[in-house]
Amino acid sequence: MSTKADTVDAIAKGIEKLDTNKAESEEKEEKEAEAHAEVGRRWLKQTLQKSGRTEADLARRLWNSNSTAVLEVGSYCSFSNY
């Protein structure tokens, strides 16, 4: 092979490797996001149960006030205003 052909081959292999790594990375990020979302759902459910409320109660309150809930799970979170 010529130097030019070797260079083209190396570039093609590099692009293929980048595509593979990108796909694997995106798949990993998607799985992590799903896991994070599930932790958030469990936290919300537990917090509602502790306050004697249900998901339906929260949904009704949000619907009636034309609101949307955005939650970030962390040690600083509180549901005391609900």
C-alpha atoms as a PDB file:
ATOM      1  CA  MET A   1       0.000   0.000   0.000  1.00  0.00           C
ATOM      2  CA  SER A   2       1.094   3.511  -0.600  1.00  0.00           C
ATOM      3  CA  THR A   3       1.496   6.088   2.119  1.00  0.00           C
ATOM      4  CA  LYS A   4      -1.621   7.846   0.837  1.00  0.00           C
ATOM      5  CA  ALA A   5      -3.649   4.626   0.991  1.00  0.00           C
ATOM      6  CA  ASP A   6      -2.308   3.877   4.479  1.00  0.00           C
ATOM      7  CA  THR A   7      -3.329   7.343   5.613  1.00  0.00           C
ATOM      8  CA  VAL A   8      -6.828   6.997   4.181  1.00  0.00           C
ATOM      9  CA  ASP A   9      -7.159   3.556   5.775  1.00  0.00           C
ATOM     10  CA  ALA A  10      -6.013   4.905   9.163  1.00  0.00           C
ATOM     11  CA  ILE A  11      -8.467   7.794   8.962  1.00  0.00           C
ATOM     12  CA  ALA A  12     -11.333   5.455   8.043  1.00  0.00           C
ATOM     13  CA  LYS A  13     -10.495   3.143  10.961  1.00  0.00           C
ATOM     14  CA  GLY A  14     -10.293   6.129  13.291  1.00  0.00           C
ATOM     15  CA  ILE A  15     -13.709   7.392  12.196  1.00  0.00           C
ATOM     16  CA  GLU A  16     -15.177   3.913  12.615  1.00  0.00           C
ATOM     17  CA  LYS A  17     -13.717   3.708  16.124  1.00  0.00           C
ATOM     18  CA  LEU A  18     -15.090   7.164  17.007  1.00  0.00           C
ATOM     19  CA  ASP A  19     -18.562   6.146  15.803  1.00  0.00           C
ATOM     20  CA  THR A  20     -18.436   2.938  17.850  1.00  0.00           C
ATOM     21  CA  ASN A  21     -17.237   4.769  20.973  1.00  0.00           C
ATOM     22  CA  LYS A  22     -19.885   7.463  20.527  1.00  0.00           C
ATOM     23  CA  ALA A  23     -22.664   4.878  20.204  1.00  0.00           C
ATOM     24  CA  GLU A  24     -21.419   3.004  23.287  1.00  0.00           C
ATOM     25  CA  SER A  25     -21.162   6.258  25.235  1.00  0.00           C
ATOM     26  CA  GLU A  26     -24.671   7.357  24.248  1.00  0.00           C
ATOM     27  CA  GLU A  27     -26.057   3.948  25.228  1.00  0.00           C
ATOM     28  CA  LYS A  28     -24.338   4.165  28.628  1.00  0.00           C
ATOM     29  CA  GLU A  29     -25.635   7.709  29.204  1.00  0.00           C
ATOM     30  CA  GLU A  30     -29.170   6.602  28.316  1.00  0.00           C
ATOM     31  CA  LYS A  31     -29.018   3.722  30.810  1.00  0.00           C
ATOM     32  CA  GLU A  32     -27.667   6.046  33.517  1.00  0.00           C
ATOM     33  CA  ALA A  33     -30.438   8.573  32.836  1.00  0.00           C
ATOM     34  CA  GLU A  34     -33.073   5.834  33.103  1.00  0.00           C
ATOM     35  CA  ALA A  35     -31.556   4.658  36.396  1.00  0.00           C
ATOM     36  CA  HIS A  36     -31.496   8.241  37.708  1.00  0.00           C
ATOM     37  CA  ALA A  37     -35.129   8.744  36.714  1.00  0.00           C
ATOM     38  CA  GLU A  38     -36.134   5.531  38.502  1.00  0.00           C
ATOM     39  CA  VAL A  39     -34.393   6.692  41.691  1.00  0.00           C
ATOM     40  CA  GLY A  40     -36.324   9.949  41.409  1.00  0.00           C
ATOM     41  CA  ARG A  41     -39.642   8.131  40.982  1.00  0.00           C
ATOM     42  CA  ARG A  42     -38.969   5.974  44.051  1.00  0.00           C
ATOM     43  CA  TRP A  43     -37.982   9.031  46.089  1.00  0.00           C
ATOM     44  CA  LEU A  44     -41.137  10.873  45.055  1.00  0.00           C
ATOM     45  CA  LYS A  45     -43.342   7.889  45.885  1.00  0.00           C
ATOM     46  CA  GLN A  46     -41.704   7.428  49.318  1.00  0.00           C
ATOM     47  CA  THR A  47     -41.924  11.131  50.114  1.00  0.00           C
ATOM     48  CA  LEU A  48     -45.595  11.256  49.140  1.00  0.00           C
ATOM     49  CA  GLN A  49     -46.323   8.184  51.275  1.00  0.00           C
ATOM     50  CA  LYS A  50     -44.586   9.772  54.281  1.00  0.00           C
ATOM     51  CA  SER A  51     -46.847  12.807  53.944  1.00  0.00           C
ATOM     52  CA  GLY A  52     -49.969  10.654  53.528  1.00  0.00           C
ATOM     53  CA  ARG A  53     -50.410  11.636  49.906  1.00  0.00           C
ATOM     54  CA  THR A  54     -50.531   9.672  46.659  1.00  0.00           C
ATOM     55  CA  GLU A  55     -49.271  10.282  43.151  1.00  0.00           C
ATOM     56  CA  ALA A  56     -52.887  10.938  42.188  1.00  0.00           C
ATOM     57  CA  ASP A  57     -53.083  13.655  44.877  1.00  0.00           C
ATOM     58  CA  LEU A  58     -50.001  15.340  43.465  1.00  0.00           C
ATOM     59  CA  ALA A  59     -51.271  15.003  39.888  1.00  0.00           C
ATOM     60  CA  ARG A  60     -54.638  16.511  40.868  1.00  0.00           C
ATOM     61  CA  ARG A  61     -52.970  19.424  42.644  1.00  0.00           C
ATOM     62  CA  LEU A  62     -50.715  20.107  39.675  1.00  0.00           C
ATOM     63  CA  TRP A  63     -53.627  19.840  37.248  1.00  0.00           C
ATOM     64  CA  ASN A  64     -55.862  22.151  39.294  1.00  0.00           C
ATOM     65  CA  SER A  65     -53.148  24.787  39.599  1.00  0.00           C
ATOM     66  CA  ASN A  66     -52.075  24.392  35.947  1.00  0.00           C
ATOM     67  CA  SER A  67     -48.547  23.662  37.176  1.00  0.00           C
ATOM     68  CA  THR A  68     -45.669  21.422  36.277  1.00  0.00           C
ATOM     69  CA  ALA A  69     -43.403  19.786  38.841  1.00  0.00           C
ATOM     70  CA  VAL A  70     -39.671  19.708  38.235  1.00  0.00           C
ATOM     71  CA  LEU A  71     -37.735  17.775  40.837  1.00  0.00           C
ATOM     72  CA  GLU A  72     -34.070  17.239  41.518  1.00  0.00           C
ATOM     73  CA  VAL A  73     -33.379  14.555  44.070  1.00  0.00           C
ATOM     74  CA  GLY A  74     -30.831  15.477  46.682  1.00  0.00           C
ATOM     75  CA  SER A  75     -30.339  15.627  50.406  1.00  0.00           C
ATOM     76  CA  TYR A  76     -31.574  19.224  50.456  1.00  0.00           C
ATOM     77  CA  CYS A  77     -34.999  18.421  48.963  1.00  0.00           C
ATOM     78  CA  SER A  78     -38.077  18.940  51.022  1.00  0.00           C
ATOM     79  CA  PHE A  79     -41.732  18.393  50.353  1.00  0.00           C
ATOM     80  CA  SER A  80     -42.852  20.434  53.346  1.00  0.00           C
ATOM     81  CA  ASN A  81     -44.536  23.118  51.226  1.00  0.00           C
ATOM     82  CA  TYR A  82     -46.858  20.528  49.711  1.00  0.00           C
END
